[in-house]
């Protein structure tokens, strides 16, 4: 840049170096972002190996954590490869952050005439017959109602997410079988009333 004869060469070199640096910076941004995310995750530890996560509507376990990505084992044995940067920029659920204990729910929609107390007693028997229940939570509540049916929630707990899932399935099956066998007339139904229309009768 000092000599007039070759000043344009120096300017071209500086310009090309600047453009090259910008291009290199954009290209390296994802890598640097993942490296910084890896440092942040290592310091804060929002999850650890074998933690149960709920990521993008998938129930999965943390199988491997590398410098740039996380390997998640989905419940059906698929593997999700997720960049570390994703965990910094997006919310996710950790179901075993401090404890593996988990509560699960079963919902039934039944007719307004269905008595709740027999369901409560059957639910208690199902829990006490199951080795999956941890003995902590046992709640039956009518949580909603509409023009067709009541919504009854059965809340239970288990020592980990796998047992909670199996317990929910077993309790749901037992409750449905109980209603089918003892109160089939109280299963959800659509009510309708036929009204005579005198005008229609005259037209016919």
C-alpha atoms as a PDB file:
ATOM      1  CA  UNK A   1       0.000   0.000   0.000  1.00  0.00           C
ATOM      2  CA  UNK A   2       3.050   2.290   0.326  1.00  0.00           C
ATOM      3  CA  UNK A   3       4.137   2.221  -3.319  1.00  0.00           C
ATOM      4  CA  UNK A   4       1.853   3.760  -5.900  1.00  0.00           C
ATOM      5  CA  UNK A   5       2.683   1.229  -8.597  1.00  0.00           C
ATOM      6  CA  UNK A   6       1.469  -1.800  -6.676  1.00  0.00           C
ATOM      7  CA  UNK A   7      -1.078  -0.135  -4.412  1.00  0.00           C
ATOM      8  CA  UNK A   8      -3.987  -1.710  -6.283  1.00  0.00           C
ATOM      9  CA  UNK A   9      -2.472  -5.158  -5.703  1.00  0.00           C
ATOM     10  CA  UNK A  10      -2.348  -4.556  -1.962  1.00  0.00           C
ATOM     11  CA  UNK A  11      -5.940  -3.326  -1.975  1.00  0.00           C
ATOM     12  CA  UNK A  12      -7.055  -6.445  -3.844  1.00  0.00           C
ATOM     13  CA  UNK A  13      -5.248  -8.684  -1.384  1.00  0.00           C
ATOM     14  CA  UNK A  14      -6.825  -6.970   1.624  1.00  0.00           C
ATOM     15  CA  UNK A  15     -10.278  -7.115   0.060  1.00  0.00           C
ATOM     16  CA  UNK A  16      -9.988 -10.808  -0.807  1.00  0.00           C
ATOM     17  CA  UNK A  17      -8.663 -11.592   2.681  1.00  0.00           C
ATOM     18  CA  UNK A  18     -11.635  -9.746   4.242  1.00  0.00           C
ATOM     19  CA  UNK A  19     -14.163 -11.555   2.081  1.00  0.00           C
ATOM     20  CA  UNK A  20     -12.437 -14.866   2.768  1.00  0.00           C
ATOM     21  CA  UNK A  21     -12.548 -14.194   6.492  1.00  0.00           C
ATOM     22  CA  UNK A  22     -16.256 -13.411   6.361  1.00  0.00           C
ATOM     23  CA  UNK A  23     -16.962 -16.579   4.375  1.00  0.00           C
ATOM     24  CA  UNK A  24     -14.847 -18.639   6.763  1.00  0.00           C
ATOM     25  CA  UNK A  25     -16.615 -17.102   9.743  1.00  0.00           C
ATOM     26  CA  UNK A  26     -20.051 -17.983   8.416  1.00  0.00           C
ATOM     27  CA  UNK A  27     -18.896 -21.508   7.563  1.00  0.00           C
ATOM     28  CA  UNK A  28     -17.420 -22.054  11.021  1.00  0.00           C
ATOM     29  CA  UNK A  29     -20.392 -20.543  12.888  1.00  0.00           C
ATOM     30  CA  UNK A  30     -22.336 -23.839  13.388  1.00  0.00           C
ATOM     31  CA  UNK A  31     -19.203 -25.639  14.565  1.00  0.00           C
ATOM     32  CA  UNK A  32     -18.232 -22.881  16.979  1.00  0.00           C
ATOM     33  CA  UNK A  33     -21.828 -22.621  18.174  1.00  0.00           C
ATOM     34  CA  UNK A  34     -21.929 -26.340  18.974  1.00  0.00           C
ATOM     35  CA  UNK A  35     -18.560 -26.171  20.738  1.00  0.00           C
ATOM     36  CA  UNK A  36     -19.710 -23.268  22.895  1.00  0.00           C
ATOM     37  CA  UNK A  37     -22.994 -25.079  23.545  1.00  0.00           C
ATOM     38  CA  UNK A  38     -21.010 -28.144  24.608  1.00  0.00           C
ATOM     39  CA  UNK A  39     -19.071 -26.071  27.135  1.00  0.00           C
ATOM     40  CA  UNK A  40     -22.302 -24.541  28.461  1.00  0.00           C
ATOM     41  CA  UNK A  41     -24.017 -27.921  28.789  1.00  0.00           C
ATOM     42  CA  UNK A  42     -20.941 -29.393  30.498  1.00  0.00           C
ATOM     43  CA  UNK A  43     -21.013 -26.584  33.068  1.00  0.00           C
ATOM     44  CA  UNK A  44     -24.771 -26.472  33.717  1.00  0.00           C
ATOM     45  CA  UNK A  45     -25.579 -30.187  33.139  1.00  0.00           C
ATOM     46  CA  UNK A  46     -29.259 -29.893  32.136  1.00  0.00           C
ATOM     47  CA  UNK A  47     -29.121 -33.644  31.387  1.00  0.00           C
ATOM     48  CA  UNK A  48     -26.848 -36.624  31.957  1.00  0.00           C
ATOM     49  CA  UNK A  49     -26.341 -40.069  30.455  1.00  0.00           C
ATOM     50  CA  UNK A  50     -29.488 -42.239  30.913  1.00  0.00           C
ATOM     51  CA  UNK A  51     -31.705 -39.253  31.730  1.00  0.00           C
ATOM     52  CA  UNK A  52     -35.228 -39.514  30.309  1.00  0.00           C
ATOM     53  CA  UNK A  53     -36.039 -36.596  28.000  1.00  0.00           C
ATOM     54  CA  UNK A  54     -39.084 -35.533  26.025  1.00  0.00           C
ATOM     55  CA  UNK A  55     -37.704 -33.968  22.840  1.00  0.00           C
ATOM     56  CA  UNK A  56     -39.760 -32.971  19.800  1.00  0.00           C
ATOM     57  CA  UNK A  57     -42.730 -35.102  20.955  1.00  0.00           C
ATOM     58  CA  UNK A  58     -40.479 -38.134  21.425  1.00  0.00           C
ATOM     59  CA  UNK A  59     -39.875 -40.021  24.683  1.00  0.00           C
ATOM     60  CA  UNK A  60     -36.187 -40.957  24.779  1.00  0.00           C
ATOM     61  CA  UNK A  61     -33.079 -41.620  26.870  1.00  0.00           C
ATOM     62  CA  UNK A  62     -29.706 -39.855  26.636  1.00  0.00           C
ATOM     63  CA  UNK A  63     -27.379 -42.508  25.253  1.00  0.00           C
ATOM     64  CA  UNK A  64     -24.266 -40.528  24.297  1.00  0.00           C
ATOM     65  CA  UNK A  65     -23.035 -36.946  24.601  1.00  0.00           C
ATOM     66  CA  UNK A  66     -20.222 -35.794  22.287  1.00  0.00           C
ATOM     67  CA  UNK A  67     -18.555 -32.429  21.737  1.00  0.00           C
ATOM     68  CA  UNK A  68     -21.071 -31.414  19.065  1.00  0.00           C
ATOM     69  CA  UNK A  69     -24.195 -33.622  19.301  1.00  0.00           C
ATOM     70  CA  UNK A  70     -26.274 -35.855  21.571  1.00  0.00           C
ATOM     71  CA  UNK A  71     -27.460 -39.371  20.729  1.00  0.00           C
ATOM     72  CA  UNK A  72     -30.984 -40.032  22.052  1.00  0.00           C
ATOM     73  CA  UNK A  73     -32.465 -43.535  22.188  1.00  0.00           C
ATOM     74  CA  UNK A  74     -36.180 -43.358  21.431  1.00  0.00           C
ATOM     75  CA  UNK A  75     -38.568 -45.781  23.177  1.00  0.00           C
ATOM     76  CA  UNK A  76     -38.906 -47.844  19.969  1.00  0.00           C
ATOM     77  CA  UNK A  77     -35.065 -48.136  19.738  1.00  0.00           C
ATOM     78  CA  UNK A  78     -34.639 -45.495  17.052  1.00  0.00           C
ATOM     79  CA  UNK A  79     -31.759 -43.066  17.535  1.00  0.00           C
ATOM     80  CA  UNK A  80     -32.101 -39.284  17.300  1.00  0.00           C
ATOM     81  CA  UNK A  81     -28.936 -37.277  16.630  1.00  0.00           C
ATOM     82  CA  UNK A  82     -29.477 -33.750  17.966  1.00  0.00           C
ATOM     83  CA  UNK A  83     -26.881 -30.926  17.786  1.00  0.00           C
ATOM     84  CA  UNK A  84     -25.899 -29.495  21.153  1.00  0.00           C
ATOM     85  CA  UNK A  85     -26.884 -26.034  19.962  1.00  0.00           C
ATOM     86  CA  UNK A  86     -30.508 -27.214  19.723  1.00  0.00           C
ATOM     87  CA  UNK A  87     -30.677 -27.831  23.475  1.00  0.00           C
ATOM     88  CA  UNK A  88     -29.468 -24.275  24.130  1.00  0.00           C
ATOM     89  CA  UNK A  89     -32.011 -22.658  21.804  1.00  0.00           C
ATOM     90  CA  UNK A  90     -35.099 -24.839  22.419  1.00  0.00           C
ATOM     91  CA  UNK A  91     -37.042 -25.979  25.492  1.00  0.00           C
ATOM     92  CA  UNK A  92     -37.170 -29.686  26.344  1.00  0.00           C
ATOM     93  CA  UNK A  93     -38.422 -31.829  29.232  1.00  0.00           C
ATOM     94  CA  UNK A  94     -36.127 -33.764  31.547  1.00  0.00           C
ATOM     95  CA  UNK A  95     -38.213 -36.376  33.363  1.00  0.00           C
ATOM     96  CA  UNK A  96     -35.369 -37.546  35.615  1.00  0.00           C
ATOM     97  CA  UNK A  97     -33.479 -34.334  36.404  1.00  0.00           C
ATOM     98  CA  UNK A  98     -33.494 -34.705  40.192  1.00  0.00           C
ATOM     99  CA  UNK A  99     -35.479 -37.916  40.592  1.00  0.00           C
ATOM    100  CA  UNK A 100     -36.808 -40.638  38.316  1.00  0.00           C
ATOM    101  CA  UNK A 101     -40.182 -40.620  40.110  1.00  0.00           C
ATOM    102  CA  UNK A 102     -43.023 -39.764  37.786  1.00  0.00           C
ATOM    103  CA  UNK A 103     -46.789 -39.409  37.948  1.00  0.00           C
ATOM    104  CA  UNK A 104     -49.098 -40.669  35.231  1.00  0.00           C
ATOM    105  CA  UNK A 105     -52.744 -40.101  34.353  1.00  0.00           C
ATOM    106  CA  UNK A 106     -55.594 -42.047  32.822  1.00  0.00           C
ATOM    107  CA  UNK A 107     -58.717 -40.254  31.592  1.00  0.00           C
ATOM    108  CA  UNK A 108     -62.127 -41.854  31.078  1.00  0.00           C
ATOM    109  CA  UNK A 109     -65.182 -40.183  29.565  1.00  0.00           C
ATOM    110  CA  UNK A 110     -68.366 -41.659  31.023  1.00  0.00           C
ATOM    111  CA  UNK A 111     -72.055 -40.878  31.197  1.00  0.00           C
ATOM    112  CA  UNK A 112     -73.337 -38.459  33.858  1.00  0.00           C
ATOM    113  CA  UNK A 113     -75.220 -41.324  35.541  1.00  0.00           C
ATOM    114  CA  UNK A 114     -71.996 -43.264  36.229  1.00  0.00           C
ATOM    115  CA  UNK A 115     -71.287 -43.420  40.002  1.00  0.00           C
ATOM    116  CA  UNK A 116     -67.706 -42.399  40.763  1.00  0.00           C
ATOM    117  CA  UNK A 117     -67.226 -44.304  44.026  1.00  0.00           C
ATOM    118  CA  UNK A 118     -67.119 -47.801  42.411  1.00  0.00           C
ATOM    119  CA  UNK A 119     -64.476 -46.497  40.012  1.00  0.00           C
ATOM    120  CA  UNK A 120     -62.474 -45.104  42.916  1.00  0.00           C
ATOM    121  CA  UNK A 121     -62.594 -48.467  44.696  1.00  0.00           C
ATOM    122  CA  UNK A 122     -61.646 -50.398  41.550  1.00  0.00           C
ATOM    123  CA  UNK A 123     -58.766 -48.015  40.900  1.00  0.00           C
ATOM    124  CA  UNK A 124     -57.453 -48.597  44.434  1.00  0.00           C
ATOM    125  CA  UNK A 125     -57.600 -52.370  43.953  1.00  0.00           C
ATOM    126  CA  UNK A 126     -55.787 -52.179  40.621  1.00  0.00           C
ATOM    127  CA  UNK A 127     -52.969 -50.133  42.127  1.00  0.00           C
ATOM    128  CA  UNK A 128     -52.508 -52.462  45.095  1.00  0.00           C
ATOM    129  CA  UNK A 129     -52.404 -55.492  42.812  1.00  0.00           C
ATOM    130  CA  UNK A 130     -49.664 -53.963  40.631  1.00  0.00           C
ATOM    131  CA  UNK A 131     -45.950 -54.140  41.407  1.00  0.00           C
ATOM    132  CA  UNK A 132     -45.473 -51.059  39.198  1.00  0.00           C
ATOM    133  CA  UNK A 133     -47.127 -48.657  41.649  1.00  0.00           C
ATOM    134  CA  UNK A 134     -44.783 -47.013  44.162  1.00  0.00           C
ATOM    135  CA  UNK A 135     -47.521 -46.442  46.759  1.00  0.00           C
ATOM    136  CA  UNK A 136     -47.253 -42.640  46.796  1.00  0.00           C
ATOM    137  CA  UNK A 137     -50.014 -41.109  44.649  1.00  0.00           C
ATOM    138  CA  UNK A 138     -53.603 -42.342  44.258  1.00  0.00           C
ATOM    139  CA  UNK A 139     -56.184 -39.748  43.206  1.00  0.00           C
ATOM    140  CA  UNK A 140     -59.536 -39.898  41.400  1.00  0.00           C
ATOM    141  CA  UNK A 141     -61.157 -36.617  40.321  1.00  0.00           C
ATOM    142  CA  UNK A 142     -63.895 -35.457  37.964  1.00  0.00           C
ATOM    143  CA  UNK A 143     -61.830 -32.922  36.043  1.00  0.00           C
ATOM    144  CA  UNK A 144     -64.240 -31.862  33.297  1.00  0.00           C
ATOM    145  CA  UNK A 145     -67.745 -32.221  31.937  1.00  0.00           C
ATOM    146  CA  UNK A 146     -69.502 -31.305  28.723  1.00  0.00           C
ATOM    147  CA  UNK A 147     -72.889 -31.819  27.124  1.00  0.00           C
ATOM    148  CA  UNK A 148     -72.156 -35.510  26.533  1.00  0.00           C
ATOM    149  CA  UNK A 149     -70.067 -36.974  29.357  1.00  0.00           C
ATOM    150  CA  UNK A 150     -67.982 -36.566  32.479  1.00  0.00           C
ATOM    151  CA  UNK A 151     -64.202 -36.681  32.300  1.00  0.00           C
ATOM    152  CA  UNK A 152     -62.689 -38.627  35.208  1.00  0.00           C
ATOM    153  CA  UNK A 153     -58.961 -38.459  35.889  1.00  0.00           C
ATOM    154  CA  UNK A 154     -57.053 -41.229  37.639  1.00  0.00           C
ATOM    155  CA  UNK A 155     -53.664 -40.033  38.926  1.00  0.00           C
ATOM    156  CA  UNK A 156     -50.958 -42.503  39.976  1.00  0.00           C
ATOM    157  CA  UNK A 157     -47.199 -42.601  40.490  1.00  0.00           C
ATOM    158  CA  UNK A 158     -44.299 -44.931  39.715  1.00  0.00           C
ATOM    159  CA  UNK A 159     -40.584 -45.043  40.366  1.00  0.00           C
ATOM    160  CA  UNK A 160     -39.582 -44.270  36.758  1.00  0.00           C
ATOM    161  CA  UNK A 161     -41.055 -43.356  33.389  1.00  0.00           C
ATOM    162  CA  UNK A 162     -41.114 -46.904  31.995  1.00  0.00           C
ATOM    163  CA  UNK A 163     -43.055 -48.237  34.979  1.00  0.00           C
ATOM    164  CA  UNK A 164     -45.370 -45.224  34.875  1.00  0.00           C
ATOM    165  CA  UNK A 165     -46.227 -45.944  31.233  1.00  0.00           C
ATOM    166  CA  UNK A 166     -46.892 -49.644  31.872  1.00  0.00           C
ATOM    167  CA  UNK A 167     -48.940 -48.818  34.974  1.00  0.00           C
ATOM    168  CA  UNK A 168     -51.105 -46.360  33.049  1.00  0.00           C
ATOM    169  CA  UNK A 169     -51.801 -48.924  30.338  1.00  0.00           C
ATOM    170  CA  UNK A 170     -52.663 -51.645  32.883  1.00  0.00           C
ATOM    171  CA  UNK A 171     -54.943 -49.355  34.899  1.00  0.00           C
ATOM    172  CA  UNK A 172     -56.725 -48.073  31.783  1.00  0.00           C
ATOM    173  CA  UNK A 173     -57.376 -51.618  30.593  1.00  0.00           C
ATOM    174  CA  UNK A 174     -58.637 -52.683  34.027  1.00  0.00           C
ATOM    175  CA  UNK A 175     -60.973 -49.712  34.395  1.00  0.00           C
ATOM    176  CA  UNK A 176     -62.446 -50.106  30.912  1.00  0.00           C
ATOM    177  CA  UNK A 177     -63.050 -53.822  31.533  1.00  0.00           C
ATOM    178  CA  UNK A 178     -64.709 -52.962  34.864  1.00  0.00           C
ATOM    179  CA  UNK A 179     -67.084 -50.470  33.241  1.00  0.00           C
ATOM    180  CA  UNK A 180     -67.872 -52.826  30.370  1.00  0.00           C
ATOM    181  CA  UNK A 181     -68.693 -55.666  32.749  1.00  0.00           C
ATOM    182  CA  UNK A 182     -70.625 -53.752  35.414  1.00  0.00           C
ATOM    183  CA  UNK A 183     -71.867 -50.461  33.955  1.00  0.00           C
ATOM    184  CA  UNK A 184     -72.094 -50.860  30.164  1.00  0.00           C
ATOM    185  CA  UNK A 185     -75.128 -48.561  30.042  1.00  0.00           C
ATOM    186  CA  UNK A 186     -72.976 -45.677  31.300  1.00  0.00           C
ATOM    187  CA  UNK A 187     -70.475 -45.712  28.451  1.00  0.00           C
ATOM    188  CA  UNK A 188     -70.442 -42.447  26.447  1.00  0.00           C
ATOM    189  CA  UNK A 189     -73.425 -42.022  24.175  1.00  0.00           C
ATOM    190  CA  UNK A 190     -75.130 -39.389  22.089  1.00  0.00           C
ATOM    191  CA  UNK A 191     -78.589 -38.440  23.293  1.00  0.00           C
ATOM    192  CA  UNK A 192     -81.302 -37.332  20.889  1.00  0.00           C
ATOM    193  CA  UNK A 193     -85.012 -36.571  21.291  1.00  0.00           C
ATOM    194  CA  UNK A 194     -87.562 -37.070  18.542  1.00  0.00           C
ATOM    195  CA  UNK A 195     -90.113 -34.280  18.376  1.00  0.00           C
ATOM    196  CA  UNK A 196     -93.349 -34.554  16.380  1.00  0.00           C
ATOM    197  CA  UNK A 197     -93.655 -31.826  13.785  1.00  0.00           C
ATOM    198  CA  UNK A 198     -97.364 -31.129  13.057  1.00  0.00           C
ATOM    199  CA  UNK A 199     -96.509 -29.099   9.969  1.00  0.00           C
ATOM    200  CA  UNK A 200     -94.595 -32.053   8.505  1.00  0.00           C
ATOM    201  CA  UNK A 201     -97.557 -34.362   9.197  1.00  0.00           C
ATOM    202  CA  UNK A 202     -99.952 -32.017   7.322  1.00  0.00           C
ATOM    203  CA  UNK A 203     -97.600 -31.830   4.348  1.00  0.00           C
ATOM    204  CA  UNK A 204     -97.485 -35.611   4.073  1.00  0.00           C
END
